[in-house]
Amino acid sequence: MAFIQIIELNTSNFDEISKLEDEWRAKTEGKRTLRRSIVARDRNNPSRHLILAFFDSYESAMVNSDLPETAEFGAKQHAFLDGPMAFTDLDILEERD
């Protein structure tokens, strides 16, 4: 079953987090199980960002989460956050065009 994780974060340093993301992508090429991601900013609160991370399954998301590079990315990212991140885990029941 397909799986999406929504990550909500608040930061006034999004450019720094974006650079860390680019580094993570380079380091995990061929290993990561992330299939696609969408990054959005709240128009009414510009420090609030949502990331939609798409995976083939919950299990493949956990493989991605367990990568050492993912742990390193998370530790570095924490320094640029204005508060804790929130995670929402969603199993995809239906997908329509």
C-alpha atoms as a PDB file:
ATOM      1  CA  MET A   1       0.000   0.000   0.000  1.00  0.00           C
ATOM      2  CA  ALA A   2       1.382   3.404  -0.981  1.00  0.00           C
ATOM      3  CA  PHE A   3       2.342   5.728   1.856  1.00  0.00           C
ATOM      4  CA  ILE A   4       2.735   9.481   2.316  1.00  0.00           C
ATOM      5  CA  GLN A   5       4.377  11.214   5.235  1.00  0.00           C
ATOM      6  CA  ILE A   6       3.557  14.872   5.852  1.00  0.00           C
ATOM      7  CA  ILE A   7       6.275  16.721   7.741  1.00  0.00           C
ATOM      8  CA  GLU A   8       5.429  20.112   9.185  1.00  0.00           C
ATOM      9  CA  LEU A   9       8.236  22.412  10.236  1.00  0.00           C
ATOM     10  CA  ASN A  10       8.716  26.034  11.174  1.00  0.00           C
ATOM     11  CA  THR A  11      11.898  27.806  10.164  1.00  0.00           C
ATOM     12  CA  SER A  12      13.137  31.207   9.154  1.00  0.00           C
ATOM     13  CA  ASN A  13      16.168  29.463   7.590  1.00  0.00           C
ATOM     14  CA  PHE A  14      14.524  27.434   4.840  1.00  0.00           C
ATOM     15  CA  ASP A  15      17.370  28.027   2.385  1.00  0.00           C
ATOM     16  CA  GLU A  16      19.772  26.281   4.779  1.00  0.00           C
ATOM     17  CA  ILE A  17      17.427  23.314   5.138  1.00  0.00           C
ATOM     18  CA  SER A  18      17.079  23.159   1.356  1.00  0.00           C
ATOM     19  CA  LYS A  19      20.881  22.976   1.019  1.00  0.00           C
ATOM     20  CA  LEU A  20      20.950  20.110   3.542  1.00  0.00           C
ATOM     21  CA  GLU A  21      18.258  18.349   1.508  1.00  0.00           C
ATOM     22  CA  ASP A  22      20.397  18.648  -1.625  1.00  0.00           C
ATOM     23  CA  GLU A  23      23.350  17.128   0.262  1.00  0.00           C
ATOM     24  CA  TRP A  24      21.150  14.293   1.550  1.00  0.00           C
ATOM     25  CA  ARG A  25      19.883  13.552  -1.959  1.00  0.00           C
ATOM     26  CA  ALA A  26      23.446  13.382  -3.314  1.00  0.00           C
ATOM     27  CA  LYS A  27      24.574  11.085  -0.475  1.00  0.00           C
ATOM     28  CA  THR A  28      21.579   8.738  -0.779  1.00  0.00           C
ATOM     29  CA  GLU A  29      21.528   8.399  -4.559  1.00  0.00           C
ATOM     30  CA  GLY A  30      20.661   4.779  -5.344  1.00  0.00           C
ATOM     31  CA  LYS A  31      19.840   4.000  -1.668  1.00  0.00           C
ATOM     32  CA  ARG A  32      16.891   6.168  -0.728  1.00  0.00           C
ATOM     33  CA  THR A  33      13.355   4.864  -1.086  1.00  0.00           C
ATOM     34  CA  LEU A  34      11.738   8.307  -1.312  1.00  0.00           C
ATOM     35  CA  ARG A  35       9.909   8.358  -4.654  1.00  0.00           C
ATOM     36  CA  ARG A  36       8.786  11.976  -4.766  1.00  0.00           C
ATOM     37  CA  SER A  37       8.431  14.991  -2.516  1.00  0.00           C
ATOM     38  CA  ILE A  38       6.516  18.251  -2.553  1.00  0.00           C
ATOM     39  CA  VAL A  39       7.588  21.219  -0.432  1.00  0.00           C
ATOM     40  CA  ALA A  40       5.050  23.950   0.304  1.00  0.00           C
ATOM     41  CA  ARG A  41       5.070  27.186   2.280  1.00  0.00           C
ATOM     42  CA  ASP A  42       2.034  28.542   4.124  1.00  0.00           C
ATOM     43  CA  ARG A  43       0.981  31.840   2.488  1.00  0.00           C
ATOM     44  CA  ASN A  44      -0.361  33.139   5.812  1.00  0.00           C
ATOM     45  CA  ASN A  45       2.645  32.061   7.881  1.00  0.00           C
ATOM     46  CA  PRO A  46       5.853  32.120   5.777  1.00  0.00           C
ATOM     47  CA  SER A  47       7.916  30.276   8.385  1.00  0.00           C
ATOM     48  CA  ARG A  48       5.551  27.260   8.251  1.00  0.00           C
ATOM     49  CA  HIS A  49       6.501  24.608   5.677  1.00  0.00           C
ATOM     50  CA  LEU A  50       4.920  21.280   4.772  1.00  0.00           C
ATOM     51  CA  ILE A  51       6.765  18.465   3.052  1.00  0.00           C
ATOM     52  CA  LEU A  52       4.812  15.641   1.444  1.00  0.00           C
ATOM     53  CA  ALA A  53       7.079  12.616   1.093  1.00  0.00           C
ATOM     54  CA  PHE A  54       5.832   9.786  -1.139  1.00  0.00           C
ATOM     55  CA  PHE A  55       6.890   6.146  -0.691  1.00  0.00           C
ATOM     56  CA  ASP A  56       5.878   2.784  -2.166  1.00  0.00           C
ATOM     57  CA  SER A  57       4.861   1.563   1.305  1.00  0.00           C
ATOM     58  CA  TYR A  58       5.233   2.259   5.011  1.00  0.00           C
ATOM     59  CA  GLU A  59       7.988  -0.353   5.101  1.00  0.00           C
ATOM     60  CA  SER A  60       9.984   1.398   2.379  1.00  0.00           C
ATOM     61  CA  ALA A  61       9.585   4.683   4.296  1.00  0.00           C
ATOM     62  CA  MET A  62      11.127   2.991   7.343  1.00  0.00           C
ATOM     63  CA  VAL A  63      14.069   1.784   5.225  1.00  0.00           C
ATOM     64  CA  ASN A  64      14.603   5.397   4.152  1.00  0.00           C
ATOM     65  CA  SER A  65      14.286   6.597   7.741  1.00  0.00           C
ATOM     66  CA  ASP A  66      16.897   4.080   8.898  1.00  0.00           C
ATOM     67  CA  LEU A  67      19.579   5.297   6.481  1.00  0.00           C
ATOM     68  CA  PRO A  68      22.561   6.789   8.373  1.00  0.00           C
ATOM     69  CA  GLU A  69      22.435   9.748   5.990  1.00  0.00           C
ATOM     70  CA  THR A  70      18.844  10.431   7.039  1.00  0.00           C
ATOM     71  CA  ALA A  71      19.842  10.518  10.719  1.00  0.00           C
ATOM     72  CA  GLU A  72      22.719  12.878   9.870  1.00  0.00           C
ATOM     73  CA  PHE A  73      20.375  15.123   7.865  1.00  0.00           C
ATOM     74  CA  GLY A  74      17.882  15.243  10.753  1.00  0.00           C
ATOM     75  CA  ALA A  75      20.540  16.192  13.279  1.00  0.00           C
ATOM     76  CA  LYS A  76      21.884  19.005  11.104  1.00  0.00           C
ATOM     77  CA  GLN A  77      18.395  20.202  10.164  1.00  0.00           C
ATOM     78  CA  HIS A  78      17.411  20.575  13.814  1.00  0.00           C
ATOM     79  CA  ALA A  79      19.751  23.564  14.198  1.00  0.00           C
ATOM     80  CA  PHE A  80      17.689  25.542  11.652  1.00  0.00           C
ATOM     81  CA  LEU A  81      14.213  24.831  13.072  1.00  0.00           C
ATOM     82  CA  ASP A  82      12.181  27.315  15.091  1.00  0.00           C
ATOM     83  CA  GLY A  83      10.413  24.491  16.954  1.00  0.00           C
ATOM     84  CA  PRO A  84       9.724  20.761  16.824  1.00  0.00           C
ATOM     85  CA  MET A  85       8.612  19.053  13.621  1.00  0.00           C
ATOM     86  CA  ALA A  86       5.255  17.299  13.389  1.00  0.00           C
ATOM     87  CA  PHE A  87       4.747  14.097  11.386  1.00  0.00           C
ATOM     88  CA  THR A  88       1.528  12.696   9.901  1.00  0.00           C
ATOM     89  CA  ASP A  89       1.682   9.175   8.435  1.00  0.00           C
ATOM     90  CA  LEU A  90      -0.907   8.319   5.784  1.00  0.00           C
ATOM     91  CA  ASP A  91      -1.713   5.015   4.083  1.00  0.00           C
ATOM     92  CA  ILE A  92      -3.135   5.729   0.611  1.00  0.00           C
ATOM     93  CA  LEU A  93      -6.515   4.049   0.259  1.00  0.00           C
ATOM     94  CA  GLU A  94      -7.525   5.539  -3.084  1.00  0.00           C
ATOM     95  CA  GLU A  95      -5.882   7.616  -5.768  1.00  0.00           C
ATOM     96  CA  ARG A  96      -7.914   9.232  -8.532  1.00  0.00           C
ATOM     97  CA  ASP A  97      -7.168  11.487 -11.496  1.00  0.00           C
END
